[in-house]
Amino acid sequence: IKDLFSYRLHLLFLATPLVSAQLVELEPVLSGPTASPLGCHRRVYTYRVTQTDEMGRTCWDFVDIWRCWGRCDSSEISDWKFPYKLSFHPVCVHAKREEVVATLKNCHPEADESIRKYSYMEAKHCHCHTCSTEDTSCEAPVSNDALNEQESVKVLALTGDNSAAFDY
């Protein structure tokens, strides 16, 4: 299957006052076909979710999560000046979402209760809308290496510290 990802997302967060921190590992497993007609749709992605308590004991399971996926007509107009386009194009994002809690079934017998539940946001409706950094990551990574921030810095290096001189 083409759409398998080779990276993992590690998040460290406070769980409860009793458990100081836990490690959450999300690994996309199956996400289905990669071709779609123009439009924004809900689609199920399967992730292998692993949570680890402060003693190193784990709980894991496969979780199916509804996400937004698709292509949106941009009506974008190219420009001859850098950055060669005005980026106010719509992207496929959630129009409505809700918090869902999954119970992880494969747990160490002595694992902390707080890591047996995994909460996440799930898309209920999707639509094409201009990207907002308030609730969406709007960057366009150059490579699949999501942790390599140097790829994004290269564009800023071309413009220097002050991009106000450019006529956008």
Foldseek 3Di string as FASTA:
>chain_A
DPPFADDKDWDWDQQDPVFGIKIKIWGWDDFDDDDDDAWKDKGWTKIWIWIATPVGWIFIDIDIAIFIDHHHDFPWDFDPFPVRTDQQGWDKHAPDKDKDKDAGDGTDPPGDPRRRIDIDIGGPHIGTHGDDPVPDDPDDAPDSPPVPCVRVCVVCVVCDPDVVPDDD
